[in-house]
Each structure stands twice: as C-alpha cells, then as structure tokens.
Amino acid sequence: MKIKAKTQSAMAKDCGIPYSTLRGWMNKKIFPPLEDAYYLSRYLGVSIEYFLNGKGSGKAALTNEKSLISFKKVELGK
C-alpha cells in the first residue's frame, strides 16, 4: 500500500471490498478469501505468495497454467 500511496479506505473502495473487512483482515492478520487475495494482489501488482507471506520477488507472475486458468475464472466471476 505504501508503494501505491493508497490508504486502506481507497484500496478497499478500488477493490470493491468493505473498508471494515479490509481493516479487520489487516488488524487481526487474517488471510482473506482466495478471491479477495487475488484482487488485492493484482491491485498491488504483487504475486499472491508475496501478498500473503511477504516472501519472493514480489513480482506478479503466474507460471502454472492451471493456476492462471483458475484465477482467470475468479476474475470473470465464474
């Protein structure tokens, strides 16, 4: 969020997530559901792995074809 210079409120609004939900995840250090984690990681421009555990390069890259297909379905709401 610091890199994007976004507040929690702006990020929640941009991702279509209630502010109170995002704040709860962050304050309680709870992992969001996969679909929300996907949208948040895409929004921040990082991989889901980096988003969830802070490890790795932070670059958003999907090399596994099955993962890519699954995430595209999530993105399309299927």
PDB file of N, CA and C in Angstrom:
ATOM      1  N   MET A   1       0.828  -1.186   0.000  1.00  0.00           N
ATOM      2  CA  MET A   1       0.000   0.000   0.000  1.00  0.00           C
ATOM      3  C   MET A   1       0.874   1.251   0.000  1.00  0.00           C
ATOM      4  N   LYS A   2       1.993   1.181   0.690  1.00  0.00           N
ATOM      5  CA  LYS A   2       2.871   2.350   0.737  1.00  0.00           C
ATOM      6  C   LYS A   2       3.429   2.665  -0.646  1.00  0.00           C
ATOM      7  N   ILE A   3       3.790   1.625  -1.393  1.00  0.00           N
ATOM      8  CA  ILE A   3       4.336   1.833  -2.736  1.00  0.00           C
ATOM      9  C   ILE A   3       3.300   2.483  -3.636  1.00  0.00           C
ATOM     10  N   LYS A   4       2.070   2.056  -3.530  1.00  0.00           N
ATOM     11  CA  LYS A   4       0.981   2.617  -4.341  1.00  0.00           C
ATOM     12  C   LYS A   4       0.482   3.940  -3.787  1.00  0.00           C
ATOM     13  N   ALA A   5       0.937   4.311  -2.600  1.00  0.00           N
ATOM     14  CA  ALA A   5       0.500   5.545  -1.928  1.00  0.00           C
ATOM     15  C   ALA A   5      -1.023   5.580  -1.799  1.00  0.00           C
ATOM     16  N   LYS A   6      -1.578   4.460  -1.345  1.00  0.00           N
ATOM     17  CA  LYS A   6      -3.022   4.349  -1.160  1.00  0.00           C
ATOM     18  C   LYS A   6      -3.344   4.135   0.309  1.00  0.00           C
ATOM     19  N   THR A   7      -4.458   4.662   0.713  1.00  0.00           N
ATOM     20  CA  THR A   7      -4.939   4.419   2.068  1.00  0.00           C
ATOM     21  C   THR A   7      -5.732   3.111   2.070  1.00  0.00           C
ATOM     22  N   GLN A   8      -5.984   2.578   3.254  1.00  0.00           N
ATOM     23  CA  GLN A   8      -6.816   1.384   3.355  1.00  0.00           C
ATOM     24  C   GLN A   8      -8.192   1.644   2.766  1.00  0.00           C
ATOM     25  N   SER A   9      -8.726   2.810   3.036  1.00  0.00           N
ATOM     26  CA  SER A   9     -10.054   3.163   2.543  1.00  0.00           C
ATOM     27  C   SER A   9     -10.090   3.191   1.017  1.00  0.00           C
ATOM     28  N   ALA A  10      -9.098   3.821   0.401  1.00  0.00           N
ATOM     29  CA  ALA A  10      -9.055   3.907  -1.065  1.00  0.00           C
ATOM     30  C   ALA A  10      -8.866   2.525  -1.684  1.00  0.00           C
ATOM     31  N   MET A  11      -7.997   1.721  -1.091  1.00  0.00           N
ATOM     32  CA  MET A  11      -7.752   0.390  -1.623  1.00  0.00           C
ATOM     33  C   MET A  11      -9.008  -0.463  -1.526  1.00  0.00           C
ATOM     34  N   ALA A  12      -9.698  -0.403  -0.401  1.00  0.00           N
ATOM     35  CA  ALA A  12     -10.931  -1.166  -0.233  1.00  0.00           C
ATOM     36  C   ALA A  12     -11.962  -0.747  -1.279  1.00  0.00           C
ATOM     37  N   LYS A  13     -12.119   0.541  -1.469  1.00  0.00           N
ATOM     38  CA  LYS A  13     -13.085   1.041  -2.447  1.00  0.00           C
ATOM     39  C   LYS A  13     -12.716   0.597  -3.858  1.00  0.00           C
ATOM     40  N   ASP A  14     -11.443   0.726  -4.213  1.00  0.00           N
ATOM     41  CA  ASP A  14     -10.984   0.355  -5.553  1.00  0.00           C
ATOM     42  C   ASP A  14     -11.168  -1.138  -5.827  1.00  0.00           C
ATOM     43  N   CYS A  15     -11.059  -1.967  -4.789  1.00  0.00           N
ATOM     44  CA  CYS A  15     -11.167  -3.418  -4.944  1.00  0.00           C
ATOM     45  C   CYS A  15     -12.570  -3.946  -4.675  1.00  0.00           C
ATOM     46  N   GLY A  16     -13.491  -3.057  -4.295  1.00  0.00           N
ATOM     47  CA  GLY A  16     -14.866  -3.482  -4.045  1.00  0.00           C
ATOM     48  C   GLY A  16     -15.025  -4.298  -2.771  1.00  0.00           C
ATOM     49  N   ILE A  17     -14.181  -4.009  -1.791  1.00  0.00           N
ATOM     50  CA  ILE A  17     -14.217  -4.708  -0.511  1.00  0.00           C
ATOM     51  C   ILE A  17     -14.621  -3.699   0.560  1.00  0.00           C
ATOM     52  N   PRO A  18     -15.534  -4.054   1.449  1.00  0.00           N
ATOM     53  CA  PRO A  18     -15.886  -3.114   2.516  1.00  0.00           C
ATOM     54  C   PRO A  18     -14.644  -2.728   3.332  1.00  0.00           C
ATOM     55  N   TYR A  19     -14.541  -1.456   3.644  1.00  0.00           N
ATOM     56  CA  TYR A  19     -13.392  -0.955   4.407  1.00  0.00           C
ATOM     57  C   TYR A  19     -13.231  -1.701   5.722  1.00  0.00           C
ATOM     58  N   SER A  20     -14.336  -1.940   6.407  1.00  0.00           N
ATOM     59  CA  SER A  20     -14.261  -2.617   7.703  1.00  0.00           C
ATOM     60  C   SER A  20     -13.704  -4.033   7.559  1.00  0.00           C
ATOM     61  N   THR A  21     -14.010  -4.688   6.448  1.00  0.00           N
ATOM     62  CA  THR A  21     -13.494  -6.039   6.194  1.00  0.00           C
ATOM     63  C   THR A  21     -11.990  -5.998   5.976  1.00  0.00           C
ATOM     64  N   LEU A  22     -11.535  -5.103   5.111  1.00  0.00           N
ATOM     65  CA  LEU A  22     -10.106  -4.970   4.847  1.00  0.00           C
ATOM     66  C   LEU A  22      -9.348  -4.614   6.123  1.00  0.00           C
ATOM     67  N   ARG A  23      -9.889  -3.689   6.862  1.00  0.00           N
ATOM     68  CA  ARG A  23      -9.249  -3.262   8.116  1.00  0.00           C
ATOM     69  C   ARG A  23      -9.168  -4.429   9.107  1.00  0.00           C
ATOM     70  N   GLY A  24     -10.226  -5.211   9.174  1.00  0.00           N
ATOM     71  CA  GLY A  24     -10.236  -6.375  10.060  1.00  0.00           C
ATOM     72  C   GLY A  24      -9.172  -7.384   9.679  1.00  0.00           C
ATOM     73  N   TRP A  25      -9.039  -7.655   8.366  1.00  0.00           N
ATOM     74  CA  TRP A  25      -8.001  -8.587   7.911  1.00  0.00           C
ATOM     75  C   TRP A  25      -6.621  -8.081   8.313  1.00  0.00           C
ATOM     76  N   MET A  26      -6.391  -6.807   8.118  1.00  0.00           N
ATOM     77  CA  MET A  26      -5.076  -6.247   8.388  1.00  0.00           C
ATOM     78  C   MET A  26      -4.789  -6.184   9.890  1.00  0.00           C
ATOM     79  N   ASN A  27      -5.745  -5.752  10.666  1.00  0.00           N
ATOM     80  CA  ASN A  27      -5.537  -5.615  12.112  1.00  0.00           C
ATOM     81  C   ASN A  27      -5.425  -6.961  12.819  1.00  0.00           C
ATOM     82  N   LYS A  28      -6.211  -7.922  12.371  1.00  0.00           N
ATOM     83  CA  LYS A  28      -6.213  -9.236  13.012  1.00  0.00           C
ATOM     84  C   LYS A  28      -5.233 -10.199  12.342  1.00  0.00           C
ATOM     85  N   LYS A  29      -4.597  -9.722  11.260  1.00  0.00           N
ATOM     86  CA  LYS A  29      -3.648 -10.543  10.494  1.00  0.00           C
ATOM     87  C   LYS A  29      -4.285 -11.851  10.050  1.00  0.00           C
ATOM     88  N   ILE A  30      -5.476 -11.719   9.481  1.00  0.00           N
ATOM     89  CA  ILE A  30      -6.235 -12.861   8.974  1.00  0.00           C
ATOM     90  C   ILE A  30      -6.108 -12.862   7.447  1.00  0.00           C
ATOM     91  N   PHE A  31      -5.910 -14.043   6.879  1.00  0.00           N
ATOM     92  CA  PHE A  31      -5.839 -14.138   5.428  1.00  0.00           C
ATOM     93  C   PHE A  31      -7.229 -13.971   4.830  1.00  0.00           C
ATOM     94  N   PRO A  32      -7.352 -13.153   3.804  1.00  0.00           N
ATOM     95  CA  PRO A  32      -8.656 -13.003   3.148  1.00  0.00           C
ATOM     96  C   PRO A  32      -8.971 -14.241   2.310  1.00  0.00           C
ATOM     97  N   PRO A  33     -10.222 -14.407   1.916  1.00  0.00           N
ATOM     98  CA  PRO A  33     -10.568 -15.495   1.000  1.00  0.00           C
ATOM     99  C   PRO A  33      -9.743 -15.376  -0.286  1.00  0.00           C
ATOM    100  N   LEU A  34      -9.536 -16.480  -0.962  1.00  0.00           N
ATOM    101  CA  LEU A  34      -8.677 -16.528  -2.146  1.00  0.00           C
ATOM    102  C   LEU A  34      -9.072 -15.480  -3.193  1.00  0.00           C
ATOM    103  N   GLU A  35     -10.353 -15.350  -3.444  1.00  0.00           N
ATOM    104  CA  GLU A  35     -10.803 -14.398  -4.460  1.00  0.00           C
ATOM    105  C   GLU A  35     -10.389 -12.970  -4.090  1.00  0.00           C
ATOM    106  N   ASP A  36     -10.566 -12.598  -2.838  1.00  0.00           N
ATOM    107  CA  ASP A  36     -10.182 -11.258  -2.401  1.00  0.00           C
ATOM    108  C   ASP A  36      -8.668 -11.086  -2.391  1.00  0.00           C
ATOM    109  N   ALA A  37      -7.946 -12.131  -1.989  1.00  0.00           N
ATOM    110  CA  ALA A  37      -6.480 -12.075  -2.004  1.00  0.00           C
ATOM    111  C   ALA A  37      -5.989 -11.878  -3.431  1.00  0.00           C
ATOM    112  N   TYR A  38      -6.635 -12.534  -4.369  1.00  0.00           N
ATOM    113  CA  TYR A  38      -6.277 -12.396  -5.785  1.00  0.00           C
ATOM    114  C   TYR A  38      -6.460 -10.954  -6.241  1.00  0.00           C
ATOM    115  N   TYR A  39      -7.622 -10.375  -5.974  1.00  0.00           N
ATOM    116  CA  TYR A  39      -7.875  -8.990  -6.397  1.00  0.00           C
ATOM    117  C   TYR A  39      -6.922  -8.010  -5.724  1.00  0.00           C
ATOM    118  N   LEU A  40      -6.671  -8.200  -4.450  1.00  0.00           N
ATOM    119  CA  LEU A  40      -5.773  -7.299  -3.733  1.00  0.00           C
ATOM    120  C   LEU A  40      -4.344  -7.418  -4.248  1.00  0.00           C
ATOM    121  N   SER A  41      -3.898  -8.637  -4.510  1.00  0.00           N
ATOM    122  CA  SER A  41      -2.529  -8.806  -5.027  1.00  0.00           C
ATOM    123  C   SER A  41      -2.403  -8.208  -6.419  1.00  0.00           C
ATOM    124  N   ARG A  42      -3.421  -8.378  -7.243  1.00  0.00           N
ATOM    125  CA  ARG A  42      -3.404  -7.767  -8.591  1.00  0.00           C
ATOM    126  C   ARG A  42      -3.385  -6.243  -8.473  1.00  0.00           C
ATOM    127  N   TYR A  43      -4.185  -5.726  -7.592  1.00  0.00           N
ATOM    128  CA  TYR A  43      -4.261  -4.280  -7.376  1.00  0.00           C
ATOM    129  C   TYR A  43      -2.903  -3.726  -6.967  1.00  0.00           C
ATOM    130  N   LEU A  44      -2.223  -4.454  -6.084  1.00  0.00           N
ATOM    131  CA  LEU A  44      -0.919  -4.005  -5.596  1.00  0.00           C
ATOM    132  C   LEU A  44       0.226  -4.365  -6.544  1.00  0.00           C
ATOM    133  N   GLY A  45      -0.066  -5.212  -7.543  1.00  0.00           N
ATOM    134  CA  GLY A  45       0.955  -5.582  -8.515  1.00  0.00           C
ATOM    135  C   GLY A  45       1.982  -6.566  -7.984  1.00  0.00           C
ATOM    136  N   VAL A  46       1.551  -7.430  -7.061  1.00  0.00           N
ATOM    137  CA  VAL A  46       2.451  -8.438  -6.498  1.00  0.00           C
ATOM    138  C   VAL A  46       1.826  -9.822  -6.652  1.00  0.00           C
ATOM    139  N   SER A  47       2.644 -10.853  -6.490  1.00  0.00           N
ATOM    140  CA  SER A  47       2.124 -12.214  -6.552  1.00  0.00           C
ATOM    141  C   SER A  47       1.298 -12.486  -5.288  1.00  0.00           C
ATOM    142  N   ILE A  48       0.438 -13.483  -5.379  1.00  0.00           N
ATOM    143  CA  ILE A  48      -0.356 -13.848  -4.209  1.00  0.00           C
ATOM    144  C   ILE A  48       0.568 -14.333  -3.092  1.00  0.00           C
ATOM    145  N   GLU A  49       1.606 -15.086  -3.461  1.00  0.00           N
ATOM    146  CA  GLU A  49       2.552 -15.573  -2.452  1.00  0.00           C
ATOM    147  C   GLU A  49       3.170 -14.403  -1.686  1.00  0.00           C
ATOM    148  N   TYR A  50       3.582 -13.385  -2.413  1.00  0.00           N
ATOM    149  CA  TYR A  50       4.181 -12.224  -1.764  1.00  0.00           C
ATOM    150  C   TYR A  50       3.143 -11.478  -0.923  1.00  0.00           C
ATOM    151  N   PHE A  51       1.951 -11.367  -1.456  1.00  0.00           N
ATOM    152  CA  PHE A  51       0.879 -10.685  -0.740  1.00  0.00           C
ATOM    153  C   PHE A  51       0.578 -11.374   0.590  1.00  0.00           C
ATOM    154  N   LEU A  52       0.542 -12.704   0.581  1.00  0.00           N
ATOM    155  CA  LEU A  52       0.161 -13.442   1.778  1.00  0.00           C
ATOM    156  C   LEU A  52       1.285 -13.621   2.798  1.00  0.00           C
ATOM    157  N   ASN A  53       2.531 -13.782   2.310  1.00  0.00           N
ATOM    158  CA  ASN A  53       3.589 -14.053   3.282  1.00  0.00           C
ATOM    159  C   ASN A  53       4.818 -13.159   3.156  1.00  0.00           C
ATOM    160  N   GLY A  54       4.824 -12.245   2.196  1.00  0.00           N
ATOM    161  CA  GLY A  54       5.933 -11.309   2.062  1.00  0.00           C
ATOM    162  C   GLY A  54       7.214 -11.927   1.550  1.00  0.00           C
ATOM    163  N   LYS A  55       7.134 -13.148   1.049  1.00  0.00           N
ATOM    164  CA  LYS A  55       8.329 -13.819   0.544  1.00  0.00           C
ATOM    165  C   LYS A  55       8.303 -13.868  -0.970  1.00  0.00           C
ATOM    166  N   GLY A  56       9.481 -13.894  -1.554  1.00  0.00           N
ATOM    167  CA  GLY A  56       9.595 -13.947  -3.001  1.00  0.00           C
ATOM    168  C   GLY A  56       9.950 -12.581  -3.552  1.00  0.00           C
ATOM    169  N   SER A  57       9.922 -12.485  -4.856  1.00  0.00           N
ATOM    170  CA  SER A  57      10.346 -11.248  -5.512  1.00  0.00           C
ATOM    171  C   SER A  57       9.304 -10.144  -5.435  1.00  0.00           C
ATOM    172  N   GLY A  58       8.062 -10.531  -5.218  1.00  0.00           N
ATOM    173  CA  GLY A  58       7.002  -9.541  -5.199  1.00  0.00           C
ATOM    174  C   GLY A  58       6.427  -9.283  -6.576  1.00  0.00           C
ATOM    175  N   LYS A  59       7.066  -9.822  -7.585  1.00  0.00           N
ATOM    176  CA  LYS A  59       6.572  -9.639  -8.950  1.00  0.00           C
ATOM    177  C   LYS A  59       5.359 -10.525  -9.176  1.00  0.00           C
ATOM    178  N   ALA A  60       4.352  -9.986  -9.818  1.00  0.00           N
ATOM    179  CA  ALA A  60       3.155 -10.761 -10.133  1.00  0.00           C
ATOM    180  C   ALA A  60       3.444 -11.612 -11.349  1.00  0.00           C
ATOM    181  N   ALA A  61       3.612 -12.909 -11.128  1.00  0.00           N
ATOM    182  CA  ALA A  61       3.883 -13.824 -12.228  1.00  0.00           C
ATOM    183  C   ALA A  61       3.223 -15.153 -11.949  1.00  0.00           C
ATOM    184  N   LEU A  62       2.499 -15.638 -12.923  1.00  0.00           N
ATOM    185  CA  LEU A  62       1.878 -16.956 -12.804  1.00  0.00           C
ATOM    186  C   LEU A  62       2.500 -17.850 -13.868  1.00  0.00           C
ATOM    187  N   THR A  63       3.178 -18.882 -13.433  1.00  0.00           N
ATOM    188  CA  THR A  63       3.809 -19.767 -14.396  1.00  0.00           C
ATOM    189  C   THR A  63       3.030 -21.060 -14.566  1.00  0.00           C
ATOM    190  N   ASN A  64       2.221 -21.413 -13.611  1.00  0.00           N
ATOM    191  CA  ASN A  64       1.450 -22.639 -13.668  1.00  0.00           C
ATOM    192  C   ASN A  64       0.165 -22.371 -14.454  1.00  0.00           C
ATOM    193  N   GLU A  65       0.011 -23.076 -15.578  1.00  0.00           N
ATOM    194  CA  GLU A  65      -1.145 -22.843 -16.451  1.00  0.00           C
ATOM    195  C   GLU A  65      -2.469 -23.084 -15.735  1.00  0.00           C
ATOM    196  N   LYS A  66      -2.557 -24.118 -14.888  1.00  0.00           N
ATOM    197  CA  LYS A  66      -3.797 -24.386 -14.163  1.00  0.00           C
ATOM    198  C   LYS A  66      -4.130 -23.244 -13.214  1.00  0.00           C
ATOM    199  N   SER A  67      -3.118 -22.688 -12.565  1.00  0.00           N
ATOM    200  CA  SER A  67      -3.356 -21.548 -11.677  1.00  0.00           C
ATOM    201  C   SER A  67      -3.873 -20.363 -12.458  1.00  0.00           C
ATOM    202  N   LEU A  68      -3.275 -20.117 -13.610  1.00  0.00           N
ATOM    203  CA  LEU A  68      -3.697 -18.999 -14.436  1.00  0.00           C
ATOM    204  C   LEU A  68      -5.151 -19.150 -14.854  1.00  0.00           C
ATOM    205  N   ILE A  69      -5.535 -20.346 -15.260  1.00  0.00           N
ATOM    206  CA  ILE A  69      -6.922 -20.593 -15.670  1.00  0.00           C
ATOM    207  C   ILE A  69      -7.862 -20.398 -14.487  1.00  0.00           C
ATOM    208  N   SER A  70      -7.500 -20.921 -13.317  1.00  0.00           N
ATOM    209  CA  SER A  70      -8.338 -20.776 -12.130  1.00  0.00           C
ATOM    210  C   SER A  70      -8.520 -19.314 -11.757  1.00  0.00           C
ATOM    211  N   PHE A  71      -7.433 -18.539 -11.785  1.00  0.00           N
ATOM    212  CA  PHE A  71      -7.530 -17.137 -11.421  1.00  0.00           C
ATOM    213  C   PHE A  71      -8.305 -16.337 -12.456  1.00  0.00           C
ATOM    214  N   LYS A  72      -8.211 -16.701 -13.715  1.00  0.00           N
ATOM    215  CA  LYS A  72      -8.998 -16.010 -14.742  1.00  0.00           C
ATOM    216  C   LYS A  72     -10.488 -16.265 -14.499  1.00  0.00           C
ATOM    217  N   LYS A  73     -10.836 -17.475 -14.078  1.00  0.00           N
ATOM    218  CA  LYS A  73     -12.238 -17.781 -13.769  1.00  0.00           C
ATOM    219  C   LYS A  73     -12.709 -16.924 -12.608  1.00  0.00           C
ATOM    220  N   VAL A  74     -11.867 -16.783 -11.589  1.00  0.00           N
ATOM    221  CA  VAL A  74     -12.212 -15.933 -10.463  1.00  0.00           C
ATOM    222  C   VAL A  74     -12.419 -14.512 -10.929  1.00  0.00           C
ATOM    223  N   GLU A  75     -11.507 -14.038 -11.786  1.00  0.00           N
ATOM    224  CA  GLU A  75     -11.581 -12.670 -12.269  1.00  0.00           C
ATOM    225  C   GLU A  75     -12.859 -12.429 -13.071  1.00  0.00           C
ATOM    226  N   LEU A  76     -13.301 -13.449 -13.798  1.00  0.00           N
ATOM    227  CA  LEU A  76     -14.509 -13.330 -14.616  1.00  0.00           C
ATOM    228  C   LEU A  76     -15.770 -13.652 -13.834  1.00  0.00           C
ATOM    229  N   GLY A  77     -15.610 -14.069 -12.584  1.00  0.00           N
ATOM    230  CA  GLY A  77     -16.767 -14.363 -11.748  1.00  0.00           C
ATOM    231  C   GLY A  77     -17.431 -15.673 -12.076  1.00  0.00           C
ATOM    232  N   LYS A  78     -16.655 -16.648 -12.552  1.00  0.00           N
ATOM    233  CA  LYS A  78     -17.215 -17.967 -12.906  1.00  0.00           C
ATOM    234  C   LYS A  78     -16.892 -18.989 -11.869  1.00  0.00           C
TER     235      LYS A  78
END
